[in-house]
N, C-alpha and C. Protein backbone atom coordinates (compact mmCIF):
# COMPACT_ATOMS: atom_id res chain seq x y z
N MET A 1 -15.13 -4.34 -4.39
CA MET A 1 -13.81 -3.74 -4.52
C MET A 1 -13.73 -2.90 -5.79
N LYS A 2 -14.43 -3.33 -6.84
CA LYS A 2 -14.36 -2.61 -8.11
C LYS A 2 -14.81 -1.15 -7.98
N PRO A 3 -15.90 -0.84 -7.27
CA PRO A 3 -16.29 0.57 -7.15
C PRO A 3 -15.20 1.43 -6.50
N TYR A 4 -14.45 0.86 -5.56
CA TYR A 4 -13.37 1.60 -4.91
C TYR A 4 -12.25 1.91 -5.90
N LEU A 5 -11.93 0.94 -6.73
CA LEU A 5 -10.88 1.15 -7.72
C LEU A 5 -11.30 2.17 -8.77
N VAL A 6 -12.56 2.10 -9.19
CA VAL A 6 -13.07 3.08 -10.16
C VAL A 6 -13.03 4.48 -9.54
N SER A 7 -13.45 4.60 -8.29
CA SER A 7 -13.43 5.88 -7.60
C SER A 7 -12.01 6.41 -7.47
N LEU A 8 -11.08 5.55 -7.09
CA LEU A 8 -9.68 5.96 -6.98
C LEU A 8 -9.14 6.40 -8.33
N GLY A 9 -9.42 5.64 -9.37
CA GLY A 9 -8.96 5.99 -10.71
C GLY A 9 -9.52 7.32 -11.18
N ALA A 10 -10.80 7.55 -10.92
CA ALA A 10 -11.43 8.82 -11.31
C ALA A 10 -10.78 9.98 -10.56
N GLY A 11 -10.51 9.79 -9.28
CA GLY A 11 -9.86 10.83 -8.49
C GLY A 11 -8.47 11.16 -8.99
N VAL A 12 -7.72 10.12 -9.34
CA VAL A 12 -6.37 10.35 -9.86
C VAL A 12 -6.44 11.07 -11.21
N LEU A 13 -7.37 10.67 -12.06
CA LEU A 13 -7.53 11.32 -13.36
C LEU A 13 -7.87 12.80 -13.20
N ILE A 14 -8.80 13.10 -12.33
CA ILE A 14 -9.17 14.50 -12.10
C ILE A 14 -7.99 15.27 -11.52
N GLY A 15 -7.24 14.66 -10.62
CA GLY A 15 -6.05 15.30 -10.06
C GLY A 15 -5.02 15.64 -11.13
N VAL A 16 -4.83 14.72 -12.07
CA VAL A 16 -3.90 14.97 -13.17
C VAL A 16 -4.40 16.12 -14.04
N ILE A 17 -5.69 16.11 -14.35
CA ILE A 17 -6.27 17.19 -15.16
C ILE A 17 -6.11 18.53 -14.45
N TYR A 18 -6.41 18.57 -13.16
CA TYR A 18 -6.25 19.83 -12.39
C TYR A 18 -4.80 20.30 -12.44
N SER A 19 -3.87 19.37 -12.32
CA SER A 19 -2.45 19.73 -12.33
C SER A 19 -2.04 20.28 -13.69
N VAL A 20 -2.52 19.67 -14.77
CA VAL A 20 -2.17 20.10 -16.12
C VAL A 20 -2.70 21.50 -16.40
N ILE A 21 -3.93 21.78 -15.98
CA ILE A 21 -4.50 23.11 -16.25
C ILE A 21 -4.22 24.11 -15.13
N LYS A 22 -3.43 23.65 -14.15
CA LYS A 22 -2.98 24.50 -13.04
C LYS A 22 -4.14 25.11 -12.25
N VAL A 23 -5.07 24.25 -11.87
CA VAL A 23 -6.21 24.65 -11.04
C VAL A 23 -6.02 24.01 -9.67
N ARG A 24 -6.26 24.76 -8.64
CA ARG A 24 -6.14 24.22 -7.29
C ARG A 24 -7.35 23.34 -6.99
N SER A 25 -7.10 22.18 -6.44
CA SER A 25 -8.16 21.23 -6.13
C SER A 25 -9.06 21.77 -5.02
N PRO A 26 -10.38 21.60 -5.16
CA PRO A 26 -11.29 22.04 -4.11
C PRO A 26 -11.38 21.05 -2.94
N ALA A 27 -10.57 20.00 -2.99
CA ALA A 27 -10.60 18.99 -1.94
C ALA A 27 -10.10 19.57 -0.62
N PRO A 28 -10.57 18.99 0.49
CA PRO A 28 -10.10 19.45 1.80
C PRO A 28 -8.61 19.15 1.99
N PRO A 29 -8.00 19.79 2.97
CA PRO A 29 -6.58 19.54 3.22
C PRO A 29 -6.30 18.07 3.52
N LEU A 30 -5.06 17.69 3.36
CA LEU A 30 -4.64 16.31 3.55
C LEU A 30 -5.01 15.78 4.93
N ILE A 31 -4.90 16.59 5.96
CA ILE A 31 -5.19 16.13 7.32
C ILE A 31 -6.65 15.70 7.45
N ALA A 32 -7.55 16.40 6.77
CA ALA A 32 -8.97 16.03 6.80
C ALA A 32 -9.20 14.72 6.06
N LEU A 33 -8.50 14.52 4.96
CA LEU A 33 -8.65 13.28 4.20
C LEU A 33 -8.12 12.08 4.99
N ILE A 34 -7.05 12.29 5.74
CA ILE A 34 -6.51 11.21 6.57
C ILE A 34 -7.51 10.86 7.68
N GLY A 35 -8.16 11.87 8.23
CA GLY A 35 -9.19 11.62 9.23
C GLY A 35 -10.36 10.83 8.66
N LEU A 36 -10.77 11.16 7.44
CA LEU A 36 -11.85 10.41 6.78
C LEU A 36 -11.43 8.97 6.52
N LEU A 37 -10.18 8.77 6.13
CA LEU A 37 -9.68 7.42 5.92
C LEU A 37 -9.71 6.62 7.22
N GLY A 38 -9.34 7.25 8.31
CA GLY A 38 -9.40 6.58 9.61
C GLY A 38 -10.82 6.20 9.99
N MET A 39 -11.77 7.08 9.68
CA MET A 39 -13.17 6.76 9.97
C MET A 39 -13.64 5.57 9.13
N LEU A 40 -13.24 5.53 7.88
CA LEU A 40 -13.62 4.42 7.01
C LEU A 40 -13.02 3.10 7.51
N ILE A 41 -11.76 3.14 7.88
CA ILE A 41 -11.10 1.93 8.40
C ILE A 41 -11.78 1.46 9.68
N GLY A 42 -12.10 2.39 10.55
CA GLY A 42 -12.79 2.03 11.79
C GLY A 42 -14.16 1.42 11.54
N ALA A 43 -14.89 1.99 10.58
CA ALA A 43 -16.22 1.48 10.27
C ALA A 43 -16.16 0.09 9.65
N LEU A 44 -15.12 -0.18 8.89
CA LEU A 44 -14.98 -1.49 8.26
C LEU A 44 -14.37 -2.52 9.20
N ALA A 45 -13.65 -2.07 10.21
CA ALA A 45 -12.96 -2.98 11.12
C ALA A 45 -13.92 -3.79 11.98
N VAL A 46 -14.99 -3.17 12.46
CA VAL A 46 -15.91 -3.86 13.36
C VAL A 46 -16.57 -5.07 12.69
N PRO A 47 -17.21 -4.90 11.51
CA PRO A 47 -17.82 -6.06 10.87
C PRO A 47 -16.79 -7.13 10.49
N THR A 48 -15.61 -6.70 10.10
CA THR A 48 -14.56 -7.66 9.71
C THR A 48 -14.13 -8.47 10.93
N LEU A 49 -13.92 -7.80 12.04
CA LEU A 49 -13.51 -8.52 13.27
C LEU A 49 -14.62 -9.45 13.75
N LYS A 50 -15.87 -9.02 13.66
CA LYS A 50 -16.98 -9.89 14.06
C LYS A 50 -17.02 -11.14 13.20
N GLN A 51 -16.79 -10.97 11.90
CA GLN A 51 -16.80 -12.13 11.01
C GLN A 51 -15.62 -13.06 11.31
N LEU A 52 -14.46 -12.48 11.58
CA LEU A 52 -13.28 -13.32 11.87
C LEU A 52 -13.42 -14.06 13.19
N LEU A 53 -14.06 -13.42 14.17
CA LEU A 53 -14.23 -14.04 15.48
C LEU A 53 -15.48 -14.90 15.57
N GLY A 54 -16.30 -14.87 14.52
CA GLY A 54 -17.50 -15.69 14.49
C GLY A 54 -18.60 -15.19 15.40
N LEU A 55 -18.67 -13.90 15.62
CA LEU A 55 -19.70 -13.32 16.49
C LEU A 55 -20.92 -12.92 15.70
C-alpha cells in the first residue's frame, strides 16, 4: 500500500507545481485516466475474489 500512497503524493505534488508555474499537465484526459483506473480495479478484483472465495 505504501508505494501507492507515495505515487499518489508525488502526483499531487507535481500537479501543484504545474499549477503554480501555470504549465499544462502532459497527462492524458480525465476520461483516459478513469479507464485506466477501471482496468486496475478489474485486475485486482479477480485475485481478491479468488482469495475471498477460497479458490
